Every structure is written in C-alpha cells, then in structure tokens.
mmCIF file of all heavy atoms, coordinates in Angstrom:
data_MODEL
# 
_entry.id   MODEL 
# 
loop_
_atom_site.group_PDB 
_atom_site.id 
_atom_site.type_symbol 
_atom_site.label_atom_id 
_atom_site.label_alt_id 
_atom_site.label_comp_id 
_atom_site.label_asym_id 
_atom_site.label_entity_id 
_atom_site.label_seq_id 
_atom_site.pdbx_PDB_ins_code 
_atom_site.Cartn_x 
_atom_site.Cartn_y 
_atom_site.Cartn_z 
_atom_site.occupancy 
_atom_site.B_iso_or_equiv 
_atom_site.pdbx_formal_charge 
_atom_site.auth_seq_id 
_atom_site.auth_comp_id 
_atom_site.auth_asym_id 
_atom_site.auth_atom_id 
_atom_site.pdbx_PDB_model_num 
ATOM 1   N N   . GLY A 1 1  ? 15.063 -21.346 -17.225 1.00 0.00 ? 1  GLY A N   1 
ATOM 2   C CA  . GLY A 1 1  ? 13.817 -21.768 -17.848 1.00 0.00 ? 1  GLY A CA  1 
ATOM 3   C C   . GLY A 1 1  ? 13.336 -20.714 -18.866 1.00 0.00 ? 1  GLY A C   1 
ATOM 4   O O   . GLY A 1 1  ? 13.630 -19.511 -18.742 1.00 0.00 ? 1  GLY A O   1 
ATOM 5   N N   . GLN A 1 2  ? 12.634 -21.161 -19.878 1.00 0.00 ? 2  GLN A N   1 
ATOM 6   C CA  . GLN A 1 2  ? 12.175 -20.289 -20.933 1.00 0.00 ? 2  GLN A CA  1 
ATOM 7   C C   . GLN A 1 2  ? 10.646 -20.523 -21.050 1.00 0.00 ? 2  GLN A C   1 
ATOM 8   O O   . GLN A 1 2  ? 10.110 -21.487 -20.455 1.00 0.00 ? 2  GLN A O   1 
ATOM 9   C CB  . GLN A 1 2  ? 12.797 -20.547 -22.235 1.00 0.00 ? 2  GLN A CB  1 
ATOM 10  C CG  . GLN A 1 2  ? 14.347 -20.274 -22.221 1.00 0.00 ? 2  GLN A CG  1 
ATOM 11  C CD  . GLN A 1 2  ? 14.640 -18.839 -22.397 1.00 0.00 ? 2  GLN A CD  1 
ATOM 12  O OE1 . GLN A 1 2  ? 13.795 -18.013 -22.723 1.00 0.00 ? 2  GLN A OE1 1 
ATOM 13  N NE2 . GLN A 1 2  ? 15.888 -18.447 -22.138 1.00 0.00 ? 2  GLN A NE2 1 
ATOM 14  N N   . GLY A 1 3  ? 9.965  -19.715 -21.785 1.00 0.00 ? 3  GLY A N   1 
ATOM 15  C CA  . GLY A 1 3  ? 8.562  -19.921 -22.020 1.00 0.00 ? 3  GLY A CA  1 
ATOM 16  C C   . GLY A 1 3  ? 7.858  -18.604 -22.330 1.00 0.00 ? 3  GLY A C   1 
ATOM 17  O O   . GLY A 1 3  ? 8.469  -17.506 -22.300 1.00 0.00 ? 3  GLY A O   1 
ATOM 18  N N   . ALA A 1 4  ? 6.577  -18.695 -22.621 1.00 0.00 ? 4  ALA A N   1 
ATOM 19  C CA  . ALA A 1 4  ? 5.778  -17.526 -22.942 1.00 0.00 ? 4  ALA A CA  1 
ATOM 20  C C   . ALA A 1 4  ? 5.739  -16.520 -21.801 1.00 0.00 ? 4  ALA A C   1 
ATOM 21  O O   . ALA A 1 4  ? 5.564  -15.323 -22.014 1.00 0.00 ? 4  ALA A O   1 
ATOM 22  C CB  . ALA A 1 4  ? 4.360  -17.941 -23.344 1.00 0.00 ? 4  ALA A CB  1 
ATOM 23  N N   . TRP A 1 5  ? 5.907  -17.009 -20.562 1.00 0.00 ? 5  TRP A N   1 
ATOM 24  C CA  . TRP A 1 5  ? 5.862  -16.138 -19.392 1.00 0.00 ? 5  TRP A CA  1 
ATOM 25  C C   . TRP A 1 5  ? 6.948  -15.064 -19.430 1.00 0.00 ? 5  TRP A C   1 
ATOM 26  O O   . TRP A 1 5  ? 6.754  -13.975 -18.908 1.00 0.00 ? 5  TRP A O   1 
ATOM 27  C CB  . TRP A 1 5  ? 5.942  -16.907 -18.100 1.00 0.00 ? 5  TRP A CB  1 
ATOM 28  C CG  . TRP A 1 5  ? 7.325  -17.589 -17.910 1.00 0.00 ? 5  TRP A CG  1 
ATOM 29  C CD1 . TRP A 1 5  ? 7.731  -18.773 -18.327 1.00 0.00 ? 5  TRP A CD1 1 
ATOM 30  C CD2 . TRP A 1 5  ? 8.442  -16.955 -17.279 1.00 0.00 ? 5  TRP A CD2 1 
ATOM 31  N NE1 . TRP A 1 5  ? 9.027  -19.017 -18.001 1.00 0.00 ? 5  TRP A NE1 1 
ATOM 32  C CE2 . TRP A 1 5  ? 9.489  -17.919 -17.324 1.00 0.00 ? 5  TRP A CE2 1 
ATOM 33  C CE3 . TRP A 1 5  ? 8.660  -15.803 -16.587 1.00 0.00 ? 5  TRP A CE3 1 
ATOM 34  C CZ2 . TRP A 1 5  ? 10.761 -17.703 -16.774 1.00 0.00 ? 5  TRP A CZ2 1 
ATOM 35  C CZ3 . TRP A 1 5  ? 9.962  -15.518 -16.047 1.00 0.00 ? 5  TRP A CZ3 1 
ATOM 36  C CH2 . TRP A 1 5  ? 10.931 -16.478 -16.123 1.00 0.00 ? 5  TRP A CH2 1 
ATOM 37  N N   . VAL A 1 6  ? 8.081  -15.381 -20.088 1.00 0.00 ? 6  VAL A N   1 
ATOM 38  C CA  . VAL A 1 6  ? 9.161  -14.356 -20.204 1.00 0.00 ? 6  VAL A CA  1 
ATOM 39  C C   . VAL A 1 6  ? 8.698  -13.141 -20.944 1.00 0.00 ? 6  VAL A C   1 
ATOM 40  O O   . VAL A 1 6  ? 8.847  -12.014 -20.437 1.00 0.00 ? 6  VAL A O   1 
ATOM 41  C CB  . VAL A 1 6  ? 10.365 -15.001 -20.907 1.00 0.00 ? 6  VAL A CB  1 
ATOM 42  C CG1 . VAL A 1 6  ? 11.386 -13.943 -21.265 1.00 0.00 ? 6  VAL A CG1 1 
ATOM 43  C CG2 . VAL A 1 6  ? 10.983 -16.068 -20.073 1.00 0.00 ? 6  VAL A CG2 1 
ATOM 44  N N   . TRP A 1 7  ? 8.097  -13.340 -22.077 1.00 0.00 ? 7  TRP A N   1 
ATOM 45  C CA  . TRP A 1 7  ? 7.635  -12.196 -22.860 1.00 0.00 ? 7  TRP A CA  1 
ATOM 46  C C   . TRP A 1 7  ? 6.429  -11.520 -22.181 1.00 0.00 ? 7  TRP A C   1 
ATOM 47  O O   . TRP A 1 7  ? 6.218  -10.307 -22.303 1.00 0.00 ? 7  TRP A O   1 
ATOM 48  C CB  . TRP A 1 7  ? 7.341  -12.645 -24.274 1.00 0.00 ? 7  TRP A CB  1 
ATOM 49  C CG  . TRP A 1 7  ? 8.535  -13.263 -24.879 1.00 0.00 ? 7  TRP A CG  1 
ATOM 50  C CD1 . TRP A 1 7  ? 8.698  -14.574 -25.213 1.00 0.00 ? 7  TRP A CD1 1 
ATOM 51  C CD2 . TRP A 1 7  ? 9.759  -12.623 -25.177 1.00 0.00 ? 7  TRP A CD2 1 
ATOM 52  N NE1 . TRP A 1 7  ? 9.949  -14.793 -25.705 1.00 0.00 ? 7  TRP A NE1 1 
ATOM 53  C CE2 . TRP A 1 7  ? 10.635 -13.610 -25.712 1.00 0.00 ? 7  TRP A CE2 1 
ATOM 54  C CE3 . TRP A 1 7  ? 10.257 -11.304 -25.094 1.00 0.00 ? 7  TRP A CE3 1 
ATOM 55  C CZ2 . TRP A 1 7  ? 11.934 -13.340 -26.098 1.00 0.00 ? 7  TRP A CZ2 1 
ATOM 56  C CZ3 . TRP A 1 7  ? 11.551 -11.047 -25.441 1.00 0.00 ? 7  TRP A CZ3 1 
ATOM 57  C CH2 . TRP A 1 7  ? 12.356 -12.038 -26.002 1.00 0.00 ? 7  TRP A CH2 1 
ATOM 58  N N   . ALA A 1 8  ? 5.592  -12.303 -21.502 1.00 0.00 ? 8  ALA A N   1 
ATOM 59  C CA  . ALA A 1 8  ? 4.499  -11.703 -20.789 1.00 0.00 ? 8  ALA A CA  1 
ATOM 60  C C   . ALA A 1 8  ? 4.983  -10.741 -19.678 1.00 0.00 ? 8  ALA A C   1 
ATOM 61  O O   . ALA A 1 8  ? 4.416  -9.670  -19.474 1.00 0.00 ? 8  ALA A O   1 
ATOM 62  C CB  . ALA A 1 8  ? 3.584  -12.757 -20.187 1.00 0.00 ? 8  ALA A CB  1 
ATOM 63  N N   . ALA A 1 9  ? 6.033  -11.185 -18.948 1.00 0.00 ? 9  ALA A N   1 
ATOM 64  C CA  . ALA A 1 9  ? 6.563  -10.362 -17.863 1.00 0.00 ? 9  ALA A CA  1 
ATOM 65  C C   . ALA A 1 9  ? 7.193  -9.126  -18.441 1.00 0.00 ? 9  ALA A C   1 
ATOM 66  O O   . ALA A 1 9  ? 7.010  -7.984  -17.878 1.00 0.00 ? 9  ALA A O   1 
ATOM 67  C CB  . ALA A 1 9  ? 7.572  -11.180 -17.101 1.00 0.00 ? 9  ALA A CB  1 
ATOM 68  N N   . LEU A 1 10 ? 7.963  -9.241  -19.548 1.00 0.00 ? 10 LEU A N   1 
ATOM 69  C CA  . LEU A 1 10 ? 8.587  -8.053  -20.133 1.00 0.00 ? 10 LEU A CA  1 
ATOM 70  C C   . LEU A 1 10 ? 7.538  -7.093  -20.689 1.00 0.00 ? 10 LEU A C   1 
ATOM 71  O O   . LEU A 1 10 ? 7.691  -5.874  -20.565 1.00 0.00 ? 10 LEU A O   1 
ATOM 72  C CB  . LEU A 1 10 ? 9.575  -8.512  -21.182 1.00 0.00 ? 10 LEU A CB  1 
ATOM 73  C CG  . LEU A 1 10 ? 10.760 -9.348  -20.703 1.00 0.00 ? 10 LEU A CG  1 
ATOM 74  C CD1 . LEU A 1 10 ? 11.645 -9.778  -21.892 1.00 0.00 ? 10 LEU A CD1 1 
ATOM 75  C CD2 . LEU A 1 10 ? 11.591 -8.555  -19.712 1.00 0.00 ? 10 LEU A CD2 1 
ATOM 76  N N   . ALA A 1 11 ? 6.538  -7.652  -21.331 1.00 0.00 ? 11 ALA A N   1 
ATOM 77  C CA  . ALA A 1 11 ? 5.466  -6.790  -21.876 1.00 0.00 ? 11 ALA A CA  1 
ATOM 78  C C   . ALA A 1 11 ? 4.716  -6.091  -20.733 1.00 0.00 ? 11 ALA A C   1 
ATOM 79  O O   . ALA A 1 11 ? 4.374  -4.892  -20.863 1.00 0.00 ? 11 ALA A O   1 
ATOM 80  C CB  . ALA A 1 11 ? 4.485  -7.615  -22.704 1.00 0.00 ? 11 ALA A CB  1 
ATOM 81  N N   . GLY A 1 12 ? 4.485  -6.752  -19.642 1.00 0.00 ? 12 GLY A N   1 
ATOM 82  C CA  . GLY A 1 12 ? 3.825  -6.135  -18.502 1.00 0.00 ? 12 GLY A CA  1 
ATOM 83  C C   . GLY A 1 12 ? 4.664  -4.989  -17.907 1.00 0.00 ? 12 GLY A C   1 
ATOM 84  O O   . GLY A 1 12 ? 4.138  -3.975  -17.520 1.00 0.00 ? 12 GLY A O   1 
ATOM 85  N N   . TYR A 1 13 ? 5.964  -5.197  -17.819 1.00 0.00 ? 13 TYR A N   1 
ATOM 86  C CA  . TYR A 1 13 ? 6.895  -4.182  -17.314 1.00 0.00 ? 13 TYR A CA  1 
ATOM 87  C C   . TYR A 1 13 ? 6.863  -2.961  -18.243 1.00 0.00 ? 13 TYR A C   1 
ATOM 88  O O   . TYR A 1 13 ? 6.761  -1.775  -17.810 1.00 0.00 ? 13 TYR A O   1 
ATOM 89  C CB  . TYR A 1 13 ? 8.323  -4.730  -17.231 1.00 0.00 ? 13 TYR A CB  1 
ATOM 90  C CG  . TYR A 1 13 ? 9.283  -3.817  -16.548 1.00 0.00 ? 13 TYR A CG  1 
ATOM 91  C CD1 . TYR A 1 13 ? 9.099  -3.390  -15.249 1.00 0.00 ? 13 TYR A CD1 1 
ATOM 92  C CD2 . TYR A 1 13 ? 10.455 -3.421  -17.220 1.00 0.00 ? 13 TYR A CD2 1 
ATOM 93  C CE1 . TYR A 1 13 ? 10.022 -2.562  -14.633 1.00 0.00 ? 13 TYR A CE1 1 
ATOM 94  C CE2 . TYR A 1 13 ? 11.388 -2.624  -16.606 1.00 0.00 ? 13 TYR A CE2 1 
ATOM 95  C CZ  . TYR A 1 13 ? 11.186 -2.174  -15.316 1.00 0.00 ? 13 TYR A CZ  1 
ATOM 96  O OH  . TYR A 1 13 ? 12.119 -1.359  -14.692 1.00 0.00 ? 13 TYR A OH  1 
ATOM 97  N N   . ALA A 1 14 ? 6.953  -3.228  -19.569 1.00 0.00 ? 14 ALA A N   1 
ATOM 98  C CA  . ALA A 1 14 ? 6.923  -2.050  -20.518 1.00 0.00 ? 14 ALA A CA  1 
ATOM 99  C C   . ALA A 1 14 ? 5.556  -1.343  -20.441 1.00 0.00 ? 14 ALA A C   1 
ATOM 100 O O   . ALA A 1 14 ? 5.536  -0.105  -20.545 1.00 0.00 ? 14 ALA A O   1 
ATOM 101 C CB  . ALA A 1 14 ? 7.142  -2.623  -21.928 1.00 0.00 ? 14 ALA A CB  1 
ATOM 102 N N   . ALA A 1 15 ? 4.479  -2.086  -20.292 1.00 0.00 ? 15 ALA A N   1 
ATOM 103 C CA  . ALA A 1 15 ? 3.156  -1.446  -20.181 1.00 0.00 ? 15 ALA A CA  1 
ATOM 104 C C   . ALA A 1 15 ? 3.055  -0.615  -18.942 1.00 0.00 ? 15 ALA A C   1 
ATOM 105 O O   . ALA A 1 15 ? 2.493  0.508   -18.971 1.00 0.00 ? 15 ALA A O   1 
ATOM 106 C CB  . ALA A 1 15 ? 2.063  -2.505  -20.207 1.00 0.00 ? 15 ALA A CB  1 
ATOM 107 N N   . ALA A 1 16 ? 3.605  -1.071  -17.856 1.00 0.00 ? 16 ALA A N   1 
ATOM 108 C CA  . ALA A 1 16 ? 3.631  -0.314  -16.640 1.00 0.00 ? 16 ALA A CA  1 
ATOM 109 C C   . ALA A 1 16 ? 4.421  1.010   -16.809 1.00 0.00 ? 16 ALA A C   1 
ATOM 110 O O   . ALA A 1 16 ? 4.002  2.083   -16.318 1.00 0.00 ? 16 ALA A O   1 
ATOM 111 C CB  . ALA A 1 16 ? 4.155  -1.117  -15.450 1.00 0.00 ? 16 ALA A CB  1 
ATOM 112 N N   . ALA A 1 17 ? 5.573  0.907   -17.471 1.00 0.00 ? 17 ALA A N   1 
ATOM 113 C CA  . ALA A 1 17 ? 6.350  2.117   -17.701 1.00 0.00 ? 17 ALA A CA  1 
ATOM 114 C C   . ALA A 1 17 ? 5.584  3.134   -18.579 1.00 0.00 ? 17 ALA A C   1 
ATOM 115 O O   . ALA A 1 17 ? 5.619  4.312   -18.309 1.00 0.00 ? 17 ALA A O   1 
ATOM 116 C CB  . ALA A 1 17 ? 7.649  1.719   -18.376 1.00 0.00 ? 17 ALA A CB  1 
ATOM 117 N N   . TRP A 1 18 ? 4.837  2.625   -19.535 1.00 0.00 ? 18 TRP A N   1 
ATOM 118 C CA  . TRP A 1 18 ? 4.094  3.530   -20.415 1.00 0.00 ? 18 TRP A CA  1 
ATOM 119 C C   . TRP A 1 18 ? 2.938  4.183   -19.569 1.00 0.00 ? 18 TRP A C   1 
ATOM 120 O O   . TRP A 1 18 ? 2.685  5.379   -19.692 1.00 0.00 ? 18 TRP A O   1 
ATOM 121 C CB  . TRP A 1 18 ? 3.475  2.730   -21.570 1.00 0.00 ? 18 TRP A CB  1 
ATOM 122 C CG  . TRP A 1 18 ? 2.600  3.586   -22.464 1.00 0.00 ? 18 TRP A CG  1 
ATOM 123 C CD1 . TRP A 1 18 ? 1.217  3.567   -22.480 1.00 0.00 ? 18 TRP A CD1 1 
ATOM 124 C CD2 . TRP A 1 18 ? 2.983  4.524   -23.443 1.00 0.00 ? 18 TRP A CD2 1 
ATOM 125 N NE1 . TRP A 1 18 ? 0.730  4.449   -23.367 1.00 0.00 ? 18 TRP A NE1 1 
ATOM 126 C CE2 . TRP A 1 18 ? 1.799  5.095   -23.992 1.00 0.00 ? 18 TRP A CE2 1 
ATOM 127 C CE3 . TRP A 1 18 ? 4.253  5.011   -23.879 1.00 0.00 ? 18 TRP A CE3 1 
ATOM 128 C CZ2 . TRP A 1 18 ? 1.806  6.045   -24.999 1.00 0.00 ? 18 TRP A CZ2 1 
ATOM 129 C CZ3 . TRP A 1 18 ? 4.219  5.956   -24.893 1.00 0.00 ? 18 TRP A CZ3 1 
ATOM 130 C CH2 . TRP A 1 18 ? 3.028  6.461   -25.436 1.00 0.00 ? 18 TRP A CH2 1 
ATOM 131 N N   . THR A 1 19 ? 2.337  3.415   -18.729 1.00 0.00 ? 19 THR A N   1 
ATOM 132 C CA  . THR A 1 19 ? 1.220  3.931   -17.897 1.00 0.00 ? 19 THR A CA  1 
ATOM 133 C C   . THR A 1 19 ? 1.655  5.033   -16.989 1.00 0.00 ? 19 THR A C   1 
ATOM 134 O O   . THR A 1 19 ? 0.950  6.032   -16.744 1.00 0.00 ? 19 THR A O   1 
ATOM 135 C CB  . THR A 1 19 ? 0.562  2.783   -17.117 1.00 0.00 ? 19 THR A CB  1 
ATOM 136 O OG1 . THR A 1 19 ? 0.116  1.792   -18.032 1.00 0.00 ? 19 THR A OG1 1 
ATOM 137 C CG2 . THR A 1 19 ? -0.576 3.283   -16.284 1.00 0.00 ? 19 THR A CG2 1 
ATOM 138 N N   . LEU A 1 20 ? 2.889  4.869   -16.450 1.00 0.00 ? 20 LEU A N   1 
ATOM 139 C CA  . LEU A 1 20 ? 3.419  5.820   -15.447 1.00 0.00 ? 20 LEU A CA  1 
ATOM 140 C C   . LEU A 1 20 ? 4.278  6.903   -16.081 1.00 0.00 ? 20 LEU A C   1 
ATOM 141 O O   . LEU A 1 20 ? 4.936  7.683   -15.328 1.00 0.00 ? 20 LEU A O   1 
ATOM 142 C CB  . LEU A 1 20 ? 4.259  5.035   -14.393 1.00 0.00 ? 20 LEU A CB  1 
ATOM 143 C CG  . LEU A 1 20 ? 3.529  3.979   -13.568 1.00 0.00 ? 20 LEU A CG  1 
ATOM 144 C CD1 . LEU A 1 20 ? 4.494  3.259   -12.677 1.00 0.00 ? 20 LEU A CD1 1 
ATOM 145 C CD2 . LEU A 1 20 ? 2.446  4.651   -12.773 1.00 0.00 ? 20 LEU A CD2 1 
ATOM 146 N N   . ARG A 1 21 ? 4.284  7.047   -17.402 1.00 0.00 ? 21 ARG A N   1 
ATOM 147 C CA  . ARG A 1 21 ? 5.212  7.969   -18.035 1.00 0.00 ? 21 ARG A CA  1 
ATOM 148 C C   . ARG A 1 21 ? 5.011  9.434   -17.623 1.00 0.00 ? 21 ARG A C   1 
ATOM 149 O O   . ARG A 1 21 ? 5.916  10.210  -17.705 1.00 0.00 ? 21 ARG A O   1 
ATOM 150 C CB  . ARG A 1 21 ? 5.047  7.865   -19.570 1.00 0.00 ? 21 ARG A CB  1 
ATOM 151 C CG  . ARG A 1 21 ? 3.720  8.307   -20.156 1.00 0.00 ? 21 ARG A CG  1 
ATOM 152 C CD  . ARG A 1 21 ? 3.562  7.956   -21.597 1.00 0.00 ? 21 ARG A CD  1 
ATOM 153 N NE  . ARG A 1 21 ? 2.337  8.475   -22.184 1.00 0.00 ? 21 ARG A NE  1 
ATOM 154 C CZ  . ARG A 1 21 ? 1.112  7.919   -22.018 1.00 0.00 ? 21 ARG A CZ  1 
ATOM 155 N NH1 . ARG A 1 21 ? 1.015  6.824   -21.290 1.00 0.00 ? 21 ARG A NH1 1 
ATOM 156 N NH2 . ARG A 1 21 ? 0.055  8.452   -22.618 1.00 0.00 ? 21 ARG A NH2 1 
ATOM 157 N N   . ARG A 1 22 ? 3.836  9.817   -17.126 1.00 0.00 ? 22 ARG A N   1 
ATOM 158 C CA  . ARG A 1 22 ? 3.571  11.188  -16.712 1.00 0.00 ? 22 ARG A CA  1 
ATOM 159 C C   . ARG A 1 22 ? 3.577  11.312  -15.197 1.00 0.00 ? 22 ARG A C   1 
ATOM 160 O O   . ARG A 1 22 ? 3.169  12.324  -14.660 1.00 0.00 ? 22 ARG A O   1 
ATOM 161 C CB  . ARG A 1 22 ? 2.226  11.632  -17.295 1.00 0.00 ? 22 ARG A CB  1 
ATOM 162 C CG  . ARG A 1 22 ? 2.171  11.605  -18.797 1.00 0.00 ? 22 ARG A CG  1 
ATOM 163 C CD  . ARG A 1 22 ? 0.922  12.247  -19.313 1.00 0.00 ? 22 ARG A CD  1 
ATOM 164 N NE  . ARG A 1 22 ? 0.750  12.094  -20.756 1.00 0.00 ? 22 ARG A NE  1 
ATOM 165 C CZ  . ARG A 1 22 ? 1.417  12.806  -21.726 1.00 0.00 ? 22 ARG A CZ  1 
ATOM 166 N NH1 . ARG A 1 22 ? 2.215  13.764  -21.318 1.00 0.00 ? 22 ARG A NH1 1 
ATOM 167 N NH2 . ARG A 1 22 ? 1.170  12.565  -22.970 1.00 0.00 ? 22 ARG A NH2 1 
ATOM 168 N N   . ARG A 1 23 ? 4.028  10.306  -14.490 1.00 0.00 ? 23 ARG A N   1 
ATOM 169 C CA  . ARG A 1 23 ? 4.140  10.348  -13.081 1.00 0.00 ? 23 ARG A CA  1 
ATOM 170 C C   . ARG A 1 23 ? 5.599  10.031  -12.682 1.00 0.00 ? 23 ARG A C   1 
ATOM 171 O O   . ARG A 1 23 ? 6.042  8.934   -12.495 1.00 0.00 ? 23 ARG A O   1 
ATOM 172 C CB  . ARG A 1 23 ? 3.215  9.288   -12.435 1.00 0.00 ? 23 ARG A CB  1 
ATOM 173 C CG  . ARG A 1 23 ? 1.759  9.515   -12.757 1.00 0.00 ? 23 ARG A CG  1 
ATOM 174 C CD  . ARG A 1 23 ? 0.842  8.389   -12.371 1.00 0.00 ? 23 ARG A CD  1 
ATOM 175 N NE  . ARG A 1 23 ? 0.820  8.161   -10.962 1.00 0.00 ? 23 ARG A NE  1 
ATOM 176 C CZ  . ARG A 1 23 ? 0.081  7.160   -10.373 1.00 0.00 ? 23 ARG A CZ  1 
ATOM 177 N NH1 . ARG A 1 23 ? -0.667 6.361   -11.103 1.00 0.00 ? 23 ARG A NH1 1 
ATOM 178 N NH2 . ARG A 1 23 ? 0.118  7.035   -9.040  1.00 0.00 ? 23 ARG A NH2 1 
ATOM 179 N N   . PRO A 1 24 ? 6.395  11.121  -12.607 1.00 0.00 ? 24 PRO A N   1 
ATOM 180 C CA  . PRO A 1 24 ? 7.877  10.969  -12.600 1.00 0.00 ? 24 PRO A CA  1 
ATOM 181 C C   . PRO A 1 24 ? 8.383  10.124  -11.422 1.00 0.00 ? 24 PRO A C   1 
ATOM 182 O O   . PRO A 1 24 ? 9.286  9.295   -11.623 1.00 0.00 ? 24 PRO A O   1 
ATOM 183 C CB  . PRO A 1 24 ? 8.385  12.439  -12.492 1.00 0.00 ? 24 PRO A CB  1 
ATOM 184 C CG  . PRO A 1 24 ? 7.282  13.229  -13.059 1.00 0.00 ? 24 PRO A CG  1 
ATOM 185 C CD  . PRO A 1 24 ? 5.996  12.543  -12.723 1.00 0.00 ? 24 PRO A CD  1 
ATOM 186 N N   . ARG A 1 25 ? 7.866  10.331  -10.243 1.00 0.00 ? 25 ARG A N   1 
ATOM 187 C CA  . ARG A 1 25 ? 8.374  9.605   -9.109  1.00 0.00 ? 25 ARG A CA  1 
ATOM 188 C C   . ARG A 1 25 ? 8.093  8.073   -9.257  1.00 0.00 ? 25 ARG A C   1 
ATOM 189 O O   . ARG A 1 25 ? 8.943  7.251   -9.015  1.00 0.00 ? 25 ARG A O   1 
ATOM 190 C CB  . ARG A 1 25 ? 7.783  10.115  -7.828  1.00 0.00 ? 25 ARG A CB  1 
ATOM 191 C CG  . ARG A 1 25 ? 8.074  11.587  -7.565  1.00 0.00 ? 25 ARG A CG  1 
ATOM 192 C CD  . ARG A 1 25 ? 7.438  12.078  -6.219  1.00 0.00 ? 25 ARG A CD  1 
ATOM 193 N NE  . ARG A 1 25 ? 7.092  13.462  -6.347  1.00 0.00 ? 25 ARG A NE  1 
ATOM 194 C CZ  . ARG A 1 25 ? 6.569  14.147  -5.373  1.00 0.00 ? 25 ARG A CZ  1 
ATOM 195 N NH1 . ARG A 1 25 ? 6.279  13.584  -4.232  1.00 0.00 ? 25 ARG A NH1 1 
ATOM 196 N NH2 . ARG A 1 25 ? 6.252  15.416  -5.555  1.00 0.00 ? 25 ARG A NH2 1 
ATOM 197 N N   . GLU A 1 26 ? 6.864  7.769   -9.619  1.00 0.00 ? 26 GLU A N   1 
ATOM 198 C CA  . GLU A 1 26 ? 6.494  6.393   -9.826  1.00 0.00 ? 26 GLU A CA  1 
ATOM 199 C C   . GLU A 1 26 ? 7.329  5.753   -10.966 1.00 0.00 ? 26 GLU A C   1 
ATOM 200 O O   . GLU A 1 26 ? 7.744  4.605   -10.898 1.00 0.00 ? 26 GLU A O   1 
ATOM 201 C CB  . GLU A 1 26 ? 5.024  6.239   -10.089 1.00 0.00 ? 26 GLU A CB  1 
ATOM 202 C CG  . GLU A 1 26 ? 4.163  6.533   -8.899  1.00 0.00 ? 26 GLU A CG  1 
ATOM 203 C CD  . GLU A 1 26 ? 3.803  8.026   -8.698  1.00 0.00 ? 26 GLU A CD  1 
ATOM 204 O OE1 . GLU A 1 26 ? 4.464  8.872   -9.425  1.00 0.00 ? 26 GLU A OE1 1 
ATOM 205 O OE2 . GLU A 1 26 ? 2.951  8.383   -7.901  1.00 0.00 ? 26 GLU A OE2 1 
ATOM 206 N N   . LEU A 1 27 ? 7.529  6.498   -12.034 1.00 0.00 ? 27 LEU A N   1 
ATOM 207 C CA  . LEU A 1 27 ? 8.269  5.996   -13.146 1.00 0.00 ? 27 LEU A CA  1 
ATOM 208 C C   . LEU A 1 27 ? 9.709  5.716   -12.764 1.00 0.00 ? 27 LEU A C   1 
ATOM 209 O O   . LEU A 1 27 ? 10.267 4.702   -13.107 1.00 0.00 ? 27 LEU A O   1 
ATOM 210 C CB  . LEU A 1 27 ? 8.229  7.040   -14.342 1.00 0.00 ? 27 LEU A CB  1 
ATOM 211 C CG  . LEU A 1 27 ? 9.064  6.611   -15.556 1.00 0.00 ? 27 LEU A CG  1 
ATOM 212 C CD1 . LEU A 1 27 ? 8.512  5.315   -16.144 1.00 0.00 ? 27 LEU A CD1 1 
ATOM 213 C CD2 . LEU A 1 27 ? 9.040  7.725   -16.594 1.00 0.00 ? 27 LEU A CD2 1 
# 
C-alpha cells in the first residue's frame, strides 16, 4: 500500500532522531 502516511511516518522517524540527537542511548 502507498499513500501520504508513508511520508508522514518517515518524517516522524526523522524528527524523532533529530530530537534525540543529544541523548546517545535513546538515539
């Protein structure tokens, strides 16, 4: 399946990685 949810999920994952960039264990 495809759809806008694909890019929303990937963007959310990237945003989480950016948020945790200074927390090594969580990252």
